[in-house]
Protein backbone atom coordinates (compact mmCIF):
# COMPACT_ATOMS: atom_id res chain seq x y z
CA MET A 1 -65.92 17.69 6.22
CA LYS A 2 -65.25 16.56 2.78
CA LYS A 3 -62.51 19.37 2.36
CA ILE A 4 -60.72 18.12 5.63
CA THR A 5 -61.16 14.38 4.38
CA ILE A 6 -59.34 15.41 1.44
CA PHE A 7 -56.81 17.56 3.01
CA THR A 8 -55.87 14.76 5.22
CA ILE A 9 -55.54 12.32 2.49
CA CYS A 10 -53.08 14.94 0.85
CA ILE A 11 -50.84 14.95 4.13
CA LEU A 12 -50.70 11.50 4.80
CA SER A 13 -49.80 10.86 1.00
CA PHE A 14 -47.15 13.38 1.38
CA PHE A 15 -45.45 11.96 4.62
CA LYS A 16 -45.76 8.76 2.98
CA CYS A 17 -43.82 9.68 0.05
CA PHE A 18 -41.52 11.36 2.23
CA ALA A 19 -40.99 8.21 3.98
CA ASP A 20 -40.73 6.03 1.14
CA ALA A 21 -38.16 8.04 -0.74
CA LYS A 22 -34.88 6.78 -0.93
CA VAL A 23 -31.64 8.48 -0.34
CA LYS A 24 -29.32 8.92 -3.69
CA ALA A 25 -26.07 7.04 -3.27
CA SER A 26 -23.31 6.28 -6.13
CA ILE A 27 -22.84 2.46 -5.29
CA ILE A 28 -24.20 0.06 -3.40
CA ILE A 29 -22.34 -3.63 -2.33
CA LYS A 30 -24.69 -6.16 -0.98
CA ASN A 31 -24.60 -9.57 -0.35
CA GLY A 32 -21.02 -9.75 1.20
CA LEU A 33 -19.53 -10.97 4.06
CA ILE A 34 -18.36 -7.73 5.17
CA LEU A 35 -14.87 -7.20 7.24
CA THR A 36 -15.06 -3.84 8.47
CA MET A 37 -11.67 -3.76 10.24
CA ASP A 38 -13.20 -1.09 12.53
CA LYS A 39 -11.84 -0.83 16.21
CA ASP A 40 -14.18 -3.82 16.92
CA TYR A 41 -13.36 -5.89 14.07
CA LYS A 42 -16.90 -6.47 13.12
CA ILE A 43 -17.93 -8.63 10.91
CA ILE A 44 -21.23 -8.44 9.07
CA ASN A 45 -22.66 -11.46 7.25
CA ASP A 46 -25.04 -10.52 4.11
CA GLY A 47 -23.94 -7.17 4.49
CA VAL A 48 -24.28 -3.81 2.61
CA VAL A 49 -22.04 -0.83 2.01
CA VAL A 50 -23.25 1.97 0.46
CA ILE A 51 -20.94 4.69 -1.42
CA SER A 52 -21.87 8.09 -2.17
CA GLY A 53 -19.31 9.79 -4.29
CA THR A 54 -15.48 9.24 -2.69
CA LYS A 55 -16.99 8.01 0.50
CA ILE A 56 -18.65 5.23 2.21
CA VAL A 57 -21.83 6.58 3.78
CA ALA A 58 -23.36 3.44 5.52
CA VAL A 59 -22.19 -0.04 6.68
CA GLY A 60 -24.70 -2.83 7.75
CA ASN A 61 -26.79 -5.39 7.11
CA LYS A 62 -29.07 -6.31 4.43
CA ASN A 63 -32.22 -4.06 5.42
CA LEU A 64 -29.90 -1.12 4.77
CA ILE A 65 -30.12 -1.35 1.28
CA ASN A 66 -34.19 -0.51 1.63
CA LYS A 67 -33.05 3.23 2.36
CA TYR A 68 -30.85 3.75 -0.32
CA LYS A 69 -31.33 4.19 -4.57
CA ALA A 70 -27.87 3.56 -6.42
CA GLU A 71 -26.70 4.37 -9.64
CA GLN A 72 -25.09 1.03 -9.28
CA THR A 73 -25.64 -1.95 -7.35
CA ILE A 74 -22.78 -4.47 -6.80
CA ASP A 75 -23.92 -8.20 -5.88
CA ALA A 76 -20.72 -9.35 -4.17
CA GLN A 77 -22.15 -12.92 -4.26
CA ASN A 78 -21.18 -14.02 -0.77
CA GLY A 79 -17.55 -12.63 -1.56
CA ILE A 80 -15.33 -11.15 1.30
CA VAL A 81 -16.09 -7.57 1.11
CA MET A 82 -12.97 -5.82 3.07
CA PRO A 83 -10.87 -2.29 3.06
CA GLY A 84 -8.38 -2.09 0.04
CA MET A 85 -4.92 -3.26 1.19
CA ILE A 86 -2.03 -0.93 1.39
CA ASN A 87 1.59 -1.89 -0.17
CA ALA A 88 3.64 0.18 2.45
CA HIS A 89 6.74 -0.10 0.52
CA THR A 90 7.74 -0.73 -2.74
CA HIS A 91 9.68 0.48 -5.98
CA ALA A 92 7.29 0.20 -8.84
CA GLY A 93 9.55 1.67 -11.21
CA MET A 94 11.62 -1.64 -10.90
CA SER A 95 8.69 -3.68 -12.51
CA LEU A 96 10.65 -3.89 -15.91
CA PHE A 97 13.65 -5.48 -14.29
CA ARG A 98 11.99 -8.21 -12.39
CA SER A 99 13.58 -11.78 -12.69
CA ALA A 100 16.92 -10.35 -13.40
CA GLY A 101 19.64 -11.73 -10.85
CA ASP A 102 17.19 -13.17 -8.56
CA ASP A 103 19.55 -15.82 -7.06
CA VAL A 104 22.74 -13.94 -7.57
CA ALA A 105 24.76 -12.56 -4.47
CA ASP A 106 25.89 -9.04 -6.31
CA ARG A 107 22.69 -8.63 -8.14
CA LEU A 108 22.31 -4.61 -7.12
CA THR A 109 26.16 -3.84 -8.89
CA LYS A 110 26.03 -6.77 -11.37
CA TYR A 111 22.49 -6.10 -12.92
CA LEU A 112 20.27 -3.12 -11.33
CA PHE A 113 22.69 -0.28 -11.31
CA PRO A 114 24.02 -0.48 -14.51
CA LEU A 115 20.43 -1.21 -15.84
CA GLU A 116 19.02 1.96 -14.35
CA ALA A 117 22.18 3.92 -15.70
CA LYS A 118 21.53 2.85 -19.10
CA LEU A 119 17.66 2.87 -19.01
CA VAL A 120 15.67 4.77 -16.47
CA THR A 121 14.12 7.69 -18.19
CA PRO A 122 11.20 9.22 -17.36
CA LYS A 123 9.04 7.48 -19.74
CA LEU A 124 10.19 3.93 -18.53
CA VAL A 125 9.24 5.00 -14.85
CA TYR A 126 5.75 5.65 -16.02
CA ASP A 127 5.44 2.73 -18.00
CA ALA A 128 7.04 0.27 -15.23
CA THR A 129 4.86 2.21 -12.54
CA LEU A 130 1.66 1.92 -14.49
CA ASN A 131 2.49 -2.09 -14.69
CA SER A 132 3.07 -2.15 -11.28
CA ALA A 133 -0.37 -0.46 -10.28
CA ILE A 134 -2.34 -2.97 -12.79
CA GLU A 135 -0.67 -5.73 -10.83
CA MET A 136 -1.35 -4.17 -7.66
CA VAL A 137 -5.07 -3.14 -7.89
CA LYS A 138 -5.88 -6.14 -9.62
CA GLY A 139 -4.53 -8.24 -6.24
CA GLY A 140 -6.39 -5.80 -4.16
CA VAL A 141 -4.23 -3.24 -3.25
CA THR A 142 -5.70 0.21 -3.17
CA THR A 143 -2.74 2.36 -1.90
CA MET A 144 1.30 2.15 -2.29
CA VAL A 145 4.32 3.71 -0.82
CA ASP A 146 6.93 4.22 -3.50
CA MET A 147 10.45 4.89 -3.58
CA TYR A 148 12.07 5.64 -6.82
CA TYR A 149 13.18 8.29 -9.35
CA PHE A 150 11.17 10.67 -11.57
CA GLU A 151 8.26 10.18 -8.92
CA ASP A 152 6.17 12.72 -10.93
CA TYR A 153 5.91 10.32 -13.72
CA ALA A 154 5.56 7.47 -11.15
CA ALA A 155 2.45 9.55 -9.77
CA LYS A 156 0.82 10.48 -13.29
CA ALA A 157 0.93 6.38 -14.18
CA VAL A 158 -0.54 5.43 -10.42
CA LYS A 159 -3.40 8.40 -11.11
CA THR A 160 -3.72 6.88 -14.69
CA ILE A 161 -4.57 3.64 -13.14
CA GLY A 162 -6.80 5.14 -10.62
CA MET A 163 -5.02 4.05 -7.36
CA ARG A 164 -3.72 5.95 -4.38
CA GLY A 165 -0.21 6.35 -3.56
CA VAL A 166 2.18 8.08 -1.43
CA MET A 167 5.39 8.54 -4.13
CA GLY A 168 8.58 9.41 -2.66
CA GLU A 169 11.30 11.12 -4.38
CA THR A 170 14.64 8.87 -3.77
CA ILE A 171 17.82 11.27 -2.21
CA MET A 172 21.00 9.77 -2.08
CA GLY A 173 24.57 11.09 -1.57
CA ASN A 174 25.45 10.23 -5.11
CA PRO A 175 24.36 11.05 -8.80
CA THR A 176 21.30 9.24 -9.53
CA PRO A 177 18.94 8.91 -12.82
CA ASP A 178 17.02 12.04 -12.15
CA SER A 179 20.00 14.04 -10.90
CA LYS A 180 23.99 14.45 -11.78
CA LYS A 181 24.27 15.87 -8.39
CA PRO A 182 24.41 14.48 -5.03
CA TYR A 183 21.16 14.95 -2.97
CA GLY A 184 19.67 15.85 -6.25
CA GLY A 185 16.45 14.56 -5.18
CA ILE A 186 15.73 17.12 -2.53
CA GLU A 187 15.79 19.57 -5.67
CA TYR A 188 13.50 17.47 -7.85
CA ALA A 189 10.93 16.84 -5.23
CA ASN A 190 10.91 20.02 -4.41
CA LYS A 191 10.51 21.51 -8.06
CA PHE A 192 8.79 18.48 -9.83
CA LEU A 193 6.78 16.55 -7.27
CA ILE A 194 5.29 18.50 -4.51
CA PRO A 195 4.01 21.57 -6.03
CA LYS A 196 2.08 19.49 -8.29
CA TYR A 197 0.54 16.88 -6.18
CA LYS A 198 0.64 18.49 -2.52
CA ASN A 199 -3.60 18.80 -2.77
CA ASP A 200 -3.89 15.97 -5.00
CA HIS A 201 -7.16 13.47 -4.15
CA LEU A 202 -5.30 10.17 -4.89
CA ILE A 203 -1.35 11.35 -4.32
CA THR A 204 0.53 12.42 -1.35
CA PRO A 205 3.86 13.35 -2.32
CA ALA A 206 6.98 12.60 0.04
CA TYR A 207 10.64 12.67 0.43
CA ALA A 208 12.44 9.31 0.32
CA PRO A 209 16.19 9.37 1.55
CA HIS A 210 17.17 6.19 0.54
CA ALA A 211 18.70 4.85 3.98
CA PRO A 212 20.79 6.54 6.77
CA TYR A 213 24.15 5.37 5.13
CA THR A 214 23.12 6.71 1.65
CA ASN A 215 22.53 10.63 3.22
CA ASP A 216 24.80 12.52 5.19
CA THR A 217 23.35 14.03 8.77
CA LYS A 218 23.10 17.53 7.17
CA HIS A 219 21.07 16.35 4.14
CA LEU A 220 18.65 14.27 6.25
CA ARG A 221 18.00 17.28 8.53
CA GLU A 222 17.23 19.22 6.08
CA VAL A 223 14.85 16.63 4.59
CA GLU A 224 13.21 16.46 8.15
CA LYS A 225 12.84 20.38 8.21
CA LEU A 226 11.66 20.39 4.78
CA SER A 227 8.72 17.54 5.44
CA LYS A 228 7.37 19.73 8.42
CA GLN A 229 7.36 23.03 6.38
CA GLN A 230 5.52 21.20 3.70
CA ASP A 231 3.38 18.73 5.65
CA VAL A 232 4.58 15.78 3.68
CA PRO A 233 5.53 12.26 4.77
CA ILE A 234 9.14 10.97 4.74
CA THR A 235 10.03 7.07 3.69
CA ILE A 236 13.48 5.71 4.23
CA HIS A 237 15.08 2.20 4.59
CA LEU A 238 15.92 1.56 8.18
CA SER A 239 18.06 -1.03 10.29
CA GLU A 240 17.84 -3.42 6.95
CA THR A 241 21.01 -5.06 6.88
CA LYS A 242 23.35 -6.46 9.96
CA ALA A 243 25.95 -4.08 8.10
CA GLU A 244 24.21 -0.94 8.26
CA LEU A 245 23.79 -2.01 12.44
CA GLU A 246 27.50 -2.68 12.44
CA LYS A 247 28.26 0.77 11.11
CA TYR A 248 26.35 3.02 13.24
CA LYS A 249 27.61 1.18 16.48
CA LYS A 250 31.52 1.28 15.34
CA GLU A 251 30.83 5.18 14.08
CA TYR A 252 28.16 6.58 16.55
CA ASN A 253 28.00 3.99 18.95
CA LYS A 254 24.21 3.97 18.35
CA THR A 255 21.69 1.70 16.41
CA PRO A 256 20.42 3.26 13.17
CA VAL A 257 17.40 3.78 15.09
CA GLU A 258 19.08 5.90 17.77
CA TYR A 259 21.05 7.88 15.40
CA LEU A 260 17.93 9.04 13.58
CA GLU A 261 16.20 9.93 16.29
CA SER A 262 19.49 11.85 17.69
CA ILE A 263 19.20 13.96 14.85
CA GLY A 264 15.81 14.71 14.66
CA LEU A 265 14.41 12.58 12.04
CA LEU A 266 11.75 10.18 13.72
CA SER A 267 8.29 11.39 13.89
CA ASN A 268 4.70 10.83 13.05
CA ARG A 269 5.34 11.72 9.31
CA LEU A 270 7.91 9.01 8.86
CA ILE A 271 7.39 5.60 7.28
CA ALA A 272 10.47 3.31 7.77
CA ALA A 273 10.90 0.25 5.77
CA HIS A 274 12.26 -3.32 6.69
CA CYS A 275 13.52 -2.60 10.40
CA ILE A 276 14.76 -6.16 10.61
CA PHE A 277 17.93 -5.38 12.88
CA VAL A 278 16.08 -3.23 15.56
CA THR A 279 16.70 -3.73 19.32
CA ASP A 280 13.83 -3.35 22.12
CA LYS A 281 14.92 0.09 22.68
CA ASP A 282 14.73 0.82 19.06
CA ILE A 283 11.07 -0.60 19.25
CA GLN A 284 10.06 1.71 22.00
CA ILE A 285 11.92 4.81 20.61
CA MET A 286 9.83 4.29 17.20
CA LYS A 287 6.57 3.75 19.36
CA GLU A 288 7.30 6.91 21.20
CA ASN A 289 7.99 9.12 18.12
CA GLY A 290 5.05 7.52 16.14
CA VAL A 291 7.19 6.05 13.40
CA GLY A 292 5.17 3.72 10.99
CA VAL A 293 7.14 0.75 9.89
CA SER A 294 6.63 -1.44 6.74
CA HIS A 295 7.45 -5.26 7.19
CA ASN A 296 8.46 -6.90 4.20
CA PRO A 297 8.39 -10.65 4.92
CA ILE A 298 9.40 -12.18 1.40
CA ALA A 299 11.77 -9.67 0.10
CA ASN A 300 13.48 -9.85 3.53
CA SER A 301 13.49 -13.90 3.40
CA LYS A 302 14.31 -13.76 -0.32
CA SER A 303 17.63 -11.70 0.38
CA ALA A 304 18.51 -13.77 3.34
CA LYS A 305 18.65 -10.53 5.44
CA GLY A 306 16.86 -11.80 8.23
CA ILE A 307 13.04 -12.05 9.68
CA ALA A 308 12.08 -8.58 11.61
CA PRO A 309 11.24 -8.70 15.19
CA VAL A 310 7.30 -8.46 14.04
CA LEU A 311 5.77 -9.99 17.32
CA GLU A 312 7.50 -8.01 19.46
CA MET A 313 6.91 -4.72 17.37
CA ASP A 314 3.05 -5.96 17.20
CA LYS A 315 2.93 -6.23 20.92
CA GLU A 316 4.49 -2.74 21.55
CA ASN A 317 1.44 -1.57 19.22
CA ILE A 318 3.93 -0.44 16.80
CA LYS A 319 2.13 1.13 13.88
CA LEU A 320 2.67 -1.86 11.36
CA GLY A 321 2.01 -2.39 7.88
CA LEU A 322 3.13 -4.61 5.34
CA GLY A 323 5.10 -4.09 1.91
CA THR A 324 6.66 -5.85 -0.84
CA ASP A 325 9.55 -4.08 -1.53
CA GLY A 326 10.62 -3.95 -5.16
CA PRO A 327 9.52 -6.39 -8.02
CA MET A 328 13.29 -7.23 -8.30
CA SER A 329 13.10 -7.93 -4.63
CA SER A 330 9.95 -10.16 -3.37
CA ASN A 331 9.02 -10.48 -6.79
CA SER A 332 5.38 -9.87 -6.98
CA LEU A 333 3.70 -6.83 -5.92
CA ASP A 334 0.33 -8.15 -4.11
CA ILE A 335 -0.13 -7.94 -0.34
CA ILE A 336 -1.83 -11.46 -0.16
CA ASN A 337 1.10 -13.27 -0.63
CA GLN A 338 2.49 -11.04 2.13
CA MET A 339 0.07 -12.32 4.55
CA SER A 340 0.82 -15.72 4.81
CA TYR A 341 4.94 -15.32 4.91
CA VAL A 342 4.16 -13.04 8.02
CA THR A 343 2.42 -15.47 10.29
CA THR A 344 4.37 -18.53 9.04
CA LEU A 345 7.96 -16.78 9.75
CA GLN A 346 6.95 -15.65 12.59
CA LYS A 347 5.64 -18.98 13.85
CA LEU A 348 8.46 -20.84 12.81
CA LYS A 349 11.10 -18.27 14.31
CA HIS A 350 9.30 -18.67 18.14
CA SER A 351 8.13 -22.02 17.44
CA ASP A 352 4.70 -21.26 18.16
CA ARG A 353 1.87 -21.78 16.03
CA THR A 354 -0.62 -19.97 18.06
CA ILE A 355 1.24 -16.28 17.32
CA MET A 356 0.38 -13.96 14.96
CA PRO A 357 -3.11 -15.37 14.09
CA ALA A 358 -4.84 -14.58 11.03
CA LYS A 359 -6.97 -11.55 11.91
CA ASP A 360 -3.68 -9.93 13.00
CA VAL A 361 -2.34 -10.44 9.75
CA VAL A 362 -5.23 -8.91 7.76
CA GLU A 363 -5.20 -6.07 10.25
CA MET A 364 -1.59 -5.17 9.35
CA ALA A 365 -2.55 -5.36 5.66
CA THR A 366 -5.62 -2.74 6.05
CA ILE A 367 -6.03 -0.47 8.81
CA GLY A 368 -2.51 -1.38 10.53
CA GLY A 369 -0.76 -0.32 7.17
CA ALA A 370 -3.20 2.97 7.02
CA LYS A 371 -1.63 3.88 10.71
CA ALA A 372 1.83 3.08 9.32
CA ILE A 373 1.43 5.28 6.57
CA HIS A 374 -0.34 7.94 8.75
CA MET A 375 -3.68 7.72 6.64
CA ASP A 376 -5.74 5.73 9.14
CA ASP A 377 -8.25 8.82 9.26
CA LYS A 378 -9.04 8.23 5.23
CA VAL A 379 -8.50 4.77 4.50
CA GLY A 380 -7.90 1.36 6.00
CA SER A 381 -11.52 0.21 7.25
CA LEU A 382 -14.74 0.13 6.15
CA GLU A 383 -16.49 2.95 8.20
CA LYS A 384 -18.81 5.83 7.49
CA GLY A 385 -17.16 8.80 6.43
CA LYS A 386 -13.80 6.90 5.14
CA LEU A 387 -12.68 7.13 1.69
CA ALA A 388 -14.34 4.01 -0.49
CA ASP A 389 -11.12 2.07 -1.18
CA ILE A 390 -12.66 -1.49 -1.07
CA ALA A 391 -11.68 -4.97 -2.32
CA ILE A 392 -14.18 -8.07 -3.04
CA ILE A 393 -12.60 -11.26 -2.88
CA GLU A 394 -15.00 -13.76 -4.83
CA THR A 395 -15.29 -17.12 -2.74
CA LYS A 396 -16.62 -19.47 -5.35
CA SER A 397 -13.44 -20.96 -6.35
CA ALA A 398 -12.32 -24.35 -4.58
CA ASN A 399 -9.20 -22.59 -2.66
CA MET A 400 -11.83 -20.41 -1.11
CA ASN A 401 -13.83 -22.88 0.14
CA PRO A 402 -15.24 -23.63 3.00
CA ILE A 403 -15.19 -20.36 5.15
CA TYR A 404 -15.56 -21.00 9.02
CA ASP A 405 -12.72 -18.13 9.63
CA PRO A 406 -12.79 -15.76 6.74
CA TYR A 407 -9.61 -13.94 8.21
CA SER A 408 -7.88 -17.47 7.63
CA VAL A 409 -9.39 -18.09 4.38
CA LEU A 410 -7.73 -14.60 3.37
CA VAL A 411 -4.59 -15.30 5.19
CA TYR A 412 -4.00 -19.12 4.38
CA SER A 413 -6.12 -20.01 1.19
CA ALA A 414 -6.30 -16.83 -0.87
CA TYR A 415 -4.30 -15.94 -3.87
CA PRO A 416 -4.36 -12.19 -5.71
CA LEU A 417 -6.31 -14.21 -8.41
CA ASN A 418 -9.40 -14.54 -6.04
CA VAL A 419 -9.83 -10.57 -6.03
CA ASP A 420 -12.83 -9.77 -8.21
CA THR A 421 -13.94 -6.16 -7.50
CA VAL A 422 -11.87 -3.09 -6.63
CA ILE A 423 -12.99 0.58 -5.76
CA ILE A 424 -10.90 3.26 -5.33
CA ASN A 425 -11.87 6.73 -4.16
CA GLY A 426 -15.53 5.70 -5.01
CA LYS A 427 -14.53 4.65 -8.38
CA LEU A 428 -14.85 0.91 -9.99
CA ILE A 429 -11.12 0.27 -10.73
CA VAL A 430 -11.65 -3.85 -11.24
CA LYS A 431 -14.72 -5.37 -12.16
CA ASN A 432 -15.41 -9.02 -12.70
CA LYS A 433 -11.42 -9.60 -12.46
CA LYS A 434 -10.62 -6.97 -15.26
CA LEU A 435 -9.07 -3.55 -15.23
CA LEU A 436 -11.64 -0.92 -16.46
CA THR A 437 -9.19 2.15 -16.39
CA PHE A 438 -5.98 0.77 -18.83
CA SER A 439 -6.04 -1.57 -21.71
CA GLU A 440 -4.03 -4.50 -20.17
CA SER A 441 -3.06 -5.54 -23.97
CA GLN A 442 -1.50 -2.31 -24.49
CA ASN A 443 0.50 -2.39 -21.17
CA GLN A 444 1.43 -6.06 -22.22
CA LYS A 445 2.77 -4.75 -25.32
CA THR A 446 4.79 -1.91 -24.12
CA VAL A 447 6.27 -4.62 -21.35
CA GLU A 448 7.44 -6.46 -23.81
CA SER A 449 9.16 -3.74 -25.65
CA TYR A 450 10.90 -2.86 -22.79
CA SER A 451 11.94 -6.31 -22.23
CA LYS A 452 13.96 -6.59 -25.46
CA LYS A 453 16.43 -3.77 -24.34
CA VAL A 454 16.75 -5.12 -20.93
CA LYS A 455 17.79 -8.66 -22.23
CA LYS A 456 20.15 -7.14 -24.62
CA ILE A 457 21.61 -5.49 -21.94
CA LEU A 458 21.70 -8.45 -19.67
CA ASP A 459 23.44 -10.45 -21.97
CA LYS A 460 26.52 -8.21 -22.16
CA LEU A 461 26.25 -8.12 -18.40
CA ASP A 462 26.52 -11.73 -18.08
CA ASN A 463 29.53 -12.06 -20.66
CA LYS A 464 31.65 -9.63 -18.93
């Protein structure tokens, strides 16, 4: 009888130990107001997010914390825990030219092109992209879609910071800083960018034909063929100006969107930036072909090009994200500032304060952006199995209180400086508003050294 009792006690103790055993995790985020951005837009007060390795393994209420034992626990302190934001269109390599020619009509020909001709090298692209990536991650952006030159160096900078990026090598029908021959960007992408980063865990290489009007039909078709063969995306400026629309109407009796459809470029691998001058028919065509769109409200407004029909695109369930455009265009690279512009411009345009509610705009910044760049199976929401790309927005600052509607606070009240913590691919990148992966003082010294060179060139250009 004594032996049976001892055996029973041992068995019960074993099962108790087994029941008490906690599952190991890398990071637990607790005490957060969680915006999951899942299909039900579930909000969890006093919630928990559990990360193991690179992925989210659980999202739920505070009781969830009892099931896991983490190497690191982050107290969100009632901050807003949300998916990392997505910058669906930028030119990160331009950040060292920021504030040059802001209010000048011909800034491209007067300032940008001469600056690029004299200064753009692989090293500058690396350093400028580093500066841009720092700004973005500190503003809660975890993924960017980039279009510039020497994108293998840009990709290296993005990885240095620990950010995620879709890196598109610019293709144009004229010589560029990285190619002396027209359309050299195709060869550059095939030789240097795609082979190196095709299977990278942070970088997605891409082809980036600048625009329909800077590429001929032959080379656009070649890009589409290569994109399909390599299974990599394409990003392009599309229907950005009235002049572009008029050109294609005159030459082809088509809109730019109709033209791209006619040559086979539209697909669910395409990320189209701007789309200001698109018709209702264009919107249907883009929808049918699964095209993702980056809406860039500040850049579009600052350049006085126009207000994109975002409300109409949203109603038709276009895969719609937000972008900043380049730092010579908008000029900041955070998505938080873009959010308020999206809704206020549409309300003004349609004389209706009820349209484009804050929740819809936060969707564009997160899961909508993920859909637009064709990565919604991996990022954009806080759900089990998704990659752990997360931003925590502190709510202690005066501008963040009180919170009756977290979506409204994010869109109408928040600043990039309210971003406290950023996790990308399961790695802590920003903590207590400080970057952990690179020296910000070193970056500042680098930027200052370039600014002296840029200033000399600008002075000469102004004196011409």
